Each structure stands twice: as C-alpha cells, then as structure tokens.
Protein backbone atom coordinates (compact mmCIF):
# COMPACT_ATOMS: atom_id res chain seq x y z
CA MET A 1 -157.01 63.56 -194.74
CA PRO A 2 -155.59 67.00 -194.98
CA GLY A 3 -156.79 67.54 -191.47
CA GLY A 4 -155.18 64.35 -190.27
CA VAL A 5 -151.87 65.21 -192.05
CA ARG A 6 -151.90 68.54 -190.38
CA LEU A 7 -152.43 66.93 -187.10
CA ILE A 8 -149.79 64.54 -187.36
CA THR A 9 -147.35 67.17 -188.50
CA ALA A 10 -148.14 69.41 -185.63
CA SER A 11 -147.88 66.57 -183.20
CA ALA A 12 -144.32 65.71 -184.69
CA ALA A 13 -143.14 69.18 -184.37
CA TYR A 14 -144.51 69.21 -180.72
CA LEU A 15 -142.46 66.02 -179.88
CA VAL A 16 -139.42 67.81 -181.32
CA ILE A 17 -139.93 70.99 -179.39
CA ALA A 18 -140.81 69.10 -176.13
CA GLY A 19 -138.02 67.07 -176.08
CA SER A 20 -135.72 69.98 -176.59
CA ILE A 21 -137.26 71.78 -173.68
CA THR A 22 -137.64 68.91 -171.45
CA PHE A 23 -134.21 67.15 -171.77
CA TYR A 24 -131.93 70.17 -172.76
CA LEU A 25 -133.50 73.81 -172.06
CA LEU A 26 -134.74 72.92 -168.34
CA PRO A 27 -131.69 71.10 -167.10
CA VAL A 28 -128.91 72.60 -169.22
CA GLY A 29 -130.36 76.27 -170.03
CA PHE A 30 -132.36 76.70 -166.70
CA GLY A 31 -130.20 74.67 -164.62
CA LEU A 32 -133.02 73.00 -162.90
CA ARG A 33 -132.34 69.79 -160.66
CA GLY A 34 -134.23 67.35 -158.52
CA ALA A 35 -137.96 67.78 -158.03
CA ALA A 36 -138.11 71.30 -159.74
CA LEU A 37 -136.85 69.68 -162.98
CA VAL A 38 -139.26 66.99 -162.75
CA LEU A 39 -142.22 69.26 -162.03
CA ALA A 40 -141.07 71.55 -164.91
CA GLN A 41 -140.81 68.54 -167.13
CA LEU A 42 -144.29 67.24 -166.14
CA VAL A 43 -145.94 70.75 -166.81
CA THR A 44 -144.18 70.83 -170.15
CA VAL A 45 -145.56 67.46 -171.22
CA ILE A 46 -149.18 68.04 -169.91
CA ALA A 47 -149.45 71.28 -171.63
CA GLY A 48 -148.21 70.01 -174.82
CA ALA A 49 -150.59 67.03 -174.50
CA ALA A 50 -153.57 69.43 -173.98
CA LEU A 51 -152.62 71.42 -176.98
CA VAL A 52 -152.40 68.45 -179.45
CA ALA A 53 -155.67 67.22 -177.90
CA THR A 54 -157.44 70.47 -178.25
CA SER A 55 -156.08 70.53 -181.98
CA MET A 56 -157.38 67.30 -182.70
CA PHE A 57 -160.83 67.95 -181.16
CA THR A 58 -160.91 71.13 -183.32
CA ILE A 59 -160.14 69.26 -186.45
CA VAL A 60 -162.69 66.54 -186.17
CA GLN A 61 -165.40 68.99 -185.16
CA HIS A 62 -164.55 71.02 -188.05
CA ARG A 63 -164.62 67.99 -190.50
CA ARG A 64 -167.81 66.69 -188.77
CA ARG A 65 -169.64 69.96 -189.25
CA ARG A 66 -168.63 70.18 -193.11
CA ALA A 67 -169.83 66.53 -193.49
CA ASN A 68 -173.18 67.45 -191.78
CA LEU A 69 -173.43 70.73 -194.00
CA GLU A 70 -172.88 68.60 -197.03
CA ALA A 71 -175.36 66.11 -196.14
CA ILE A 72 -178.31 68.87 -195.48
CA ALA A 73 -177.29 70.60 -198.79
CA GLN A 74 -178.04 67.25 -200.66
CA THR A 75 -181.25 66.77 -198.72
CA LEU A 76 -182.43 70.26 -199.86
CA GLY A 77 -181.23 70.00 -203.38
CA TRP A 78 -178.38 72.39 -202.95
CA THR A 79 -174.96 72.17 -204.27
CA TYR A 80 -172.25 72.42 -201.86
CA ARG A 81 -168.37 73.56 -202.16
CA ALA A 82 -166.13 73.08 -199.06
CA ASP A 83 -163.72 75.93 -200.51
CA VAL A 84 -164.02 78.63 -203.06
CA GLY A 85 -160.98 80.45 -202.04
CA ASP A 86 -160.80 84.30 -202.83
CA ARG A 87 -163.29 84.22 -205.71
CA ILE A 88 -164.84 87.44 -206.54
CA TRP A 89 -167.96 87.44 -204.39
CA GLY A 90 -169.22 91.08 -204.83
CA GLY A 91 -170.25 93.77 -202.48
CA SER A 92 -168.36 96.03 -199.98
CA ILE A 93 -165.94 93.28 -198.66
CA ASP A 94 -164.52 92.67 -202.12
CA GLU A 95 -164.20 96.54 -202.81
CA GLN A 96 -162.59 97.07 -199.64
CA ILE A 97 -160.56 94.37 -198.66
CA ASP A 98 -157.38 93.29 -200.57
CA ARG A 99 -157.59 89.82 -202.26
CA GLY A 100 -155.00 88.25 -200.09
CA SER A 101 -156.77 89.13 -196.84
CA ARG A 102 -160.26 87.50 -197.57
CA THR A 103 -161.14 84.10 -198.27
CA ALA A 104 -164.58 82.09 -198.44
CA GLN A 105 -165.48 78.73 -197.32
CA ASP A 106 -168.75 76.21 -197.15
CA HIS A 107 -170.23 77.72 -200.35
CA ILE A 108 -174.21 76.71 -200.62
CA ASP A 109 -175.70 77.27 -204.05
CA ALA A 110 -179.39 77.44 -204.23
CA LEU A 111 -179.79 79.51 -207.31
CA HIS A 112 -181.55 76.78 -208.98
CA THR A 113 -184.40 76.17 -206.22
CA ASP A 114 -187.79 78.00 -205.75
CA LEU A 115 -186.03 80.15 -203.08
CA PRO A 116 -182.88 81.51 -205.19
CA PHE A 117 -179.74 82.41 -203.23
CA ASP A 118 -176.25 81.47 -202.80
CA SER A 119 -174.18 81.87 -199.61
CA VAL A 120 -170.72 81.55 -198.22
CA GLU A 121 -168.69 81.86 -194.90
CA ARG A 122 -166.27 84.76 -195.42
CA ILE A 123 -163.24 85.12 -193.61
CA PHE A 124 -161.31 88.62 -194.05
CA VAL A 125 -158.84 90.67 -191.99
CA VAL A 126 -159.15 94.51 -191.42
CA GLY A 127 -155.79 96.48 -190.77
CA ASP A 128 -152.31 95.49 -190.77
CA ARG A 129 -149.83 93.74 -188.62
CA GLU A 130 -150.64 94.04 -184.76
CA GLY A 131 -153.70 96.14 -185.33
CA ALA A 132 -155.33 93.59 -187.67
CA THR A 133 -158.75 92.05 -186.76
CA THR A 134 -160.28 88.79 -188.33
CA HIS A 135 -163.76 88.95 -189.04
CA ILE A 136 -166.19 85.92 -190.15
CA VAL A 137 -169.48 86.49 -191.62
CA ARG A 138 -172.11 84.38 -193.41
CA ALA A 139 -172.82 86.26 -196.70
CA VAL A 140 -175.91 85.77 -198.86
CA ARG A 141 -176.79 86.71 -202.35
CA ILE A 142 -180.24 86.98 -203.44
CA PRO A 143 -180.69 87.84 -207.06
CA LEU A 144 -183.49 90.60 -207.75
CA PRO A 145 -185.66 90.95 -210.72
CA SER A 146 -184.46 94.46 -211.77
CA GLU A 147 -181.58 96.67 -211.12
CA SER A 148 -181.78 99.15 -208.28
CA PRO A 149 -179.61 102.06 -207.18
CA ARG A 150 -177.10 101.11 -204.65
CA ILE A 151 -178.73 101.05 -201.18
CA THR A 152 -176.68 100.45 -197.99
CA LEU A 153 -178.31 99.34 -194.68
CA ARG A 154 -176.16 98.95 -191.82
CA SER A 155 -177.69 97.71 -188.41
CA ARG A 156 -176.78 100.43 -185.90
CA LYS A 157 -176.20 97.51 -183.35
CA GLY A 158 -172.62 97.45 -184.60
CA GLY A 159 -170.25 94.68 -185.33
CA GLY A 160 -171.39 93.57 -188.56
CA ALA A 161 -169.72 93.43 -191.97
CA LEU A 162 -170.30 96.76 -193.10
CA SER A 163 -169.53 98.38 -189.81
CA VAL A 164 -166.05 97.07 -189.52
CA LEU A 165 -164.76 97.79 -192.94
CA PRO A 166 -162.08 100.24 -193.49
CA ARG A 167 -164.53 102.90 -195.24
CA ARG A 168 -168.10 103.90 -194.31
CA PRO A 169 -170.57 106.00 -196.27
CA THR A 170 -170.36 109.82 -195.81
CA GLY A 171 -173.13 111.72 -194.00
CA ARG A 172 -174.09 113.08 -197.33
CA SER A 173 -175.17 109.72 -198.50
CA GLN A 174 -177.31 109.21 -195.44
CA LEU A 175 -181.06 109.14 -195.85
CA ARG A 176 -183.14 109.94 -192.77
CA LEU A 177 -186.48 107.61 -192.93
CA GLU A 178 -189.97 107.79 -190.93
CA GLY A 179 -190.58 106.09 -187.57
CA ASP A 180 -187.97 103.96 -185.87
CA PHE A 181 -186.32 102.76 -188.85
CA SER A 182 -183.48 105.12 -188.81
CA ASP A 183 -182.89 104.39 -185.09
CA VAL A 184 -182.30 100.74 -186.10
CA PHE A 185 -180.57 101.03 -189.60
CA GLU A 186 -178.14 103.53 -191.02
CA VAL A 187 -179.29 103.97 -194.66
CA SER A 188 -176.99 105.18 -197.17
CA VAL A 189 -177.80 106.01 -201.07
CA PRO A 190 -176.06 107.78 -203.92
CA HIS A 191 -176.57 111.38 -204.03
CA GLY A 192 -179.59 112.41 -205.79
CA TYR A 193 -181.26 109.08 -205.46
CA GLU A 194 -183.17 109.79 -202.14
CA THR A 195 -186.59 109.57 -203.69
CA ASP A 196 -185.82 106.52 -205.75
CA ALA A 197 -184.61 104.75 -202.65
CA LEU A 198 -187.96 105.81 -201.05
CA TYR A 199 -189.77 103.73 -203.96
CA VAL A 200 -187.83 100.59 -202.85
CA LEU A 201 -187.85 101.10 -199.10
CA THR A 202 -191.63 101.40 -198.53
CA PRO A 203 -193.23 101.05 -195.14
CA ASP A 204 -194.31 97.60 -195.70
CA LEU A 205 -190.75 96.62 -196.67
CA MET A 206 -189.21 98.51 -193.69
CA ALA A 207 -191.56 96.71 -191.28
CA ILE A 208 -190.43 93.60 -192.51
CA LEU A 209 -186.83 94.48 -192.03
CA LEU A 210 -187.33 95.62 -188.58
CA ASP A 211 -189.07 92.27 -187.66
CA GLU A 212 -186.72 89.81 -189.44
CA SER A 213 -183.35 91.43 -189.84
CA ALA A 214 -182.91 94.23 -187.36
CA ASP A 215 -179.28 92.95 -186.62
CA LEU A 216 -178.18 92.38 -190.06
CA ASP A 217 -176.20 94.49 -192.77
CA MET A 218 -177.60 94.66 -196.23
CA GLU A 219 -176.87 96.36 -199.49
CA ILE A 220 -178.20 96.19 -203.02
CA ILE A 221 -175.92 96.32 -205.60
CA ASP A 222 -177.10 96.38 -209.15
CA SER A 223 -179.71 93.59 -209.34
CA THR A 224 -178.34 91.60 -206.19
CA LEU A 225 -179.26 91.68 -202.54
CA HIS A 226 -176.27 91.14 -200.35
CA LEU A 227 -177.14 90.16 -196.76
CA TYR A 228 -174.43 89.83 -193.89
CA PHE A 229 -175.26 87.51 -191.08
CA PRO A 230 -173.01 86.95 -188.19
CA ALA A 231 -171.22 83.36 -188.14
CA VAL A 232 -174.11 81.02 -188.34
CA ASP A 233 -174.14 77.15 -187.65
CA LEU A 234 -176.24 76.04 -190.44
CA THR A 235 -175.98 72.32 -189.17
CA ASP A 236 -178.35 73.58 -186.24
CA GLU A 237 -181.92 72.98 -187.29
CA SER A 238 -183.03 76.10 -185.38
CA GLU A 239 -180.45 78.44 -186.69
CA LEU A 240 -181.09 77.00 -190.38
CA ARG A 241 -184.82 77.53 -190.20
CA GLY A 242 -184.30 81.16 -189.00
CA PHE A 243 -181.59 81.57 -191.62
CA LEU A 244 -183.88 80.51 -194.49
CA THR A 245 -186.99 82.56 -193.12
CA VAL A 246 -185.05 85.88 -193.24
CA ILE A 247 -184.00 84.77 -196.86
CA ALA A 248 -187.39 84.11 -197.87
CA ALA A 249 -189.03 87.08 -196.63
CA LEU A 250 -186.50 89.63 -197.99
CA HIS A 251 -186.46 87.83 -201.36
CA ASP A 252 -190.24 88.12 -201.64
CA ARG A 253 -190.54 91.91 -200.55
CA PHE A 254 -187.52 93.44 -202.32
CA GLY A 255 -188.37 91.47 -205.45
CA ARG A 256 -191.82 93.07 -205.28
CA ARG A 257 -190.13 96.47 -204.78
CA THR A 258 -187.35 96.30 -207.55
CA LEU A 259 -189.42 94.61 -210.13
CA LEU A 260 -190.88 97.75 -211.56
CA TYR A 261 -188.24 100.16 -210.71
CA ARG A 262 -186.57 102.30 -213.54
CA ASP A 263 -184.13 104.80 -213.25
CA GLU A 264 -185.03 107.85 -215.04
CA ALA A 265 -181.61 109.14 -215.20
CA ALA A 266 -180.25 106.04 -217.16
CA PRO A 267 -179.28 106.53 -220.77
CA PRO A 268 -182.27 106.15 -223.06
CA LEU A 269 -182.20 102.86 -225.08
CA ASP A 270 -184.07 101.93 -228.17
CA LEU A 271 -187.32 100.45 -227.36
CA GLN A 272 -186.44 97.46 -229.78
CA SER A 273 -183.32 96.68 -228.05
CA TYR A 274 -182.85 93.92 -225.34
CA ARG A 275 -182.13 95.44 -222.00
CA ARG A 276 -179.22 93.66 -220.18
CA ASP A 277 -177.73 94.29 -216.51
CA GLY A 278 -175.90 97.35 -216.68
CA ASP A 279 -178.40 99.14 -219.10
CA THR A 280 -180.96 100.14 -216.76
CA LEU A 281 -178.94 102.54 -214.16
CA ALA A 282 -176.86 105.61 -214.53
CA GLU A 283 -173.44 105.27 -213.35
CA ARG A 284 -173.80 107.54 -210.33
CA ALA A 285 -176.54 105.23 -208.96
CA ARG A 286 -174.13 102.40 -208.62
CA THR A 287 -171.73 103.86 -205.71
CA VAL A 288 -172.35 105.60 -202.52
CA ASP A 289 -170.08 107.98 -201.17
CA THR A 290 -167.53 106.78 -198.45
CA ARG A 291 -165.02 107.88 -195.93
CA VAL A 292 -162.07 106.40 -194.29
CA ARG A 293 -162.76 105.26 -190.68
CA TRP A 294 -159.60 106.59 -189.00
CA TRP A 295 -159.78 104.76 -185.44
CA PRO A 296 -158.66 101.41 -186.99
CA VAL A 297 -155.76 102.90 -188.74
CA ILE A 298 -154.89 104.92 -185.45
CA ALA A 299 -155.14 101.51 -183.41
CA ALA A 300 -153.12 99.84 -186.07
CA VAL A 301 -150.14 102.52 -185.50
CA ALA A 302 -150.49 102.87 -181.85
CA THR A 303 -150.80 98.98 -180.90
CA PRO A 304 -146.92 98.44 -181.41
CA LEU A 305 -145.97 101.51 -179.61
CA MET A 306 -148.02 100.57 -176.28
CA PRO A 307 -145.57 98.42 -174.62
CA MET A 308 -143.02 101.24 -175.09
CA LEU A 309 -145.33 103.90 -173.71
CA ILE A 310 -145.99 101.50 -170.85
CA GLY A 311 -142.53 101.19 -170.10
CA ILE A 312 -141.87 104.93 -170.30
CA VAL A 313 -144.69 105.67 -167.96
CA TRP A 314 -143.41 102.77 -165.50
CA LEU A 315 -139.88 104.40 -165.47
CA GLN A 316 -141.19 107.63 -164.68
CA LEU A 317 -143.48 106.66 -162.02
CA SER A 318 -140.61 104.38 -160.51
CA GLY A 319 -138.24 107.33 -160.51
C-alpha cells in the first residue's frame, strides 16, 4: 500500500506539472503556436506518461521481489524483515558512515539454523553534496566460536564496500602473505598481531578464500566475520545457491581457525571466572590503523567547480 500511495501521489503531482507546462508555459511562456505547440504538448504528455509507467513498474517489481524473498525465507526457516532502518550493524560501514547516511533493508535472520548467519542489504552514501556517491552491498554476519584480532581482507578487484569507504588501512597495517594471496587480497591487521593473523589465515583457509570469495571484502571484528557481497538478488535460485555456498565454506573454515585462538597479550583472568566476549582480546587487537582517502574529498570539492572551470576555459578559447 505505501508503494501505491507514492505512485498515486507522484501521478497527481505529474498531472499538475504537465497541465501547467502544456496549457500555460508552452503557449504563454514560450509563445508556441500551431503545429509547434501541438508537437511540444504531445512530447510533454508522452514523456510524463513514460515516467509514471516506469515508476509504477519499478514499484511493482520491488514489491514482488520482497514478497518472493519473504516466501523463500519462510521455506528455509529464516526470519525476514523488510526494513530495519539505520540500526547498528557493526563493521567498518557503521564506524565510518554517519547514521543519517546509511540504511538497511531486506534483513534475513538465520542465526538459529544449522548454518548460522544474518544478512541485510545496506545502502550508504559516501561524500557530501555533488560529490556524494551511493553504494549498495549485501552484508553478512557469521558468528565465530572465539574472538580473534581484527583482520581486514579487501579484494583488490576494487569497488567493494571496504574500498569505497572514506578511510583505508595504512601501509603499516598491511600484511604480505605467501603465494598469490596478497595479489588478490589486501590484508590488514593491528600492529604487532602479524603472527596471530597467520594462525588464522592458514594456507588451507587462504585456498578456500581464493576459490570461493576472491571478489568479496571481509573483516573479522571480535567474534564476528563480516562479509560484503555486491548487490545480490536472493530470489534468483542460482545466486542464492552461490550465496549460501560461500557462507557455508567460510563459516566452517573461519570457525575452525578461530576456535582455539587465544590472545597472549590479553589481560589475565582468574581461571575460575567465566570468559565473555571482550575478555579474550587486548584492546589494541581490536583496531587497524587507517588513513583518509583524499581523492573522494578532492572530487567532492572539485565537482561543483567544474562548470565554472569549463566556462572559463571556453571563454579563453573563444577569445
């Protein structure tokens, strides 16, 4: 119903605008007469009709996709929520993007199943005003059996969630690994935790990552593995199957590697006390040093100036 209300409102607004253009602006403002006026009025009406039809088609497709996704979730025993707003999800997106510039929808909760995970489509804006860019990713959280140092794996193919954020890990944080792995992923860890990262990123796990997720960005934060897929249509059977295959493989291998990890730098606890999340890592194991990516800032500042610069160059060339 909200989609239908929006469509009706947009159509009514278009009728007002189209009427003003067709019967006032064209004959009075532009002074068109005869065949020229009729042609301009016809073009205005057709263009508006195409715009309304496109909007209607988009809304219908969106509602149908959500209905199909909800049906799939029910079949697989998942819980589906259409809109979860700007709730805290965790990970680098929440850390670097203002709350008003990010939102989430199509939440799937499968944490209670044999393959525990939850996932949401995240929409976030990087930059301000004319230089702002909108990005859509399918974020996944996989619970791990134990806390691990923060490890960031950014696919070098670029364009992923961790590549477009305002801040990137510094060179000091980067870890070079054997074989072709570092040619595919940029690996960043907290300073001083390079050896600990090797305990998690064993050759067998790196082989799985190269085979199953070479185009994905990932990060381990405390006891959660965050995956960032490009926008995925989970109502498509083949895409859903591939999506679940990747999650299953990474849940199994990351779970094995983090299960027995212990941070030797963590504050010691009484052997009789119960260890909770937050007790098993030193504070410096939770963050990776980052730096500001300057080119989005430069683009945001320069974009509004481009028309003026073009005008100046044109005036100079034209004498």
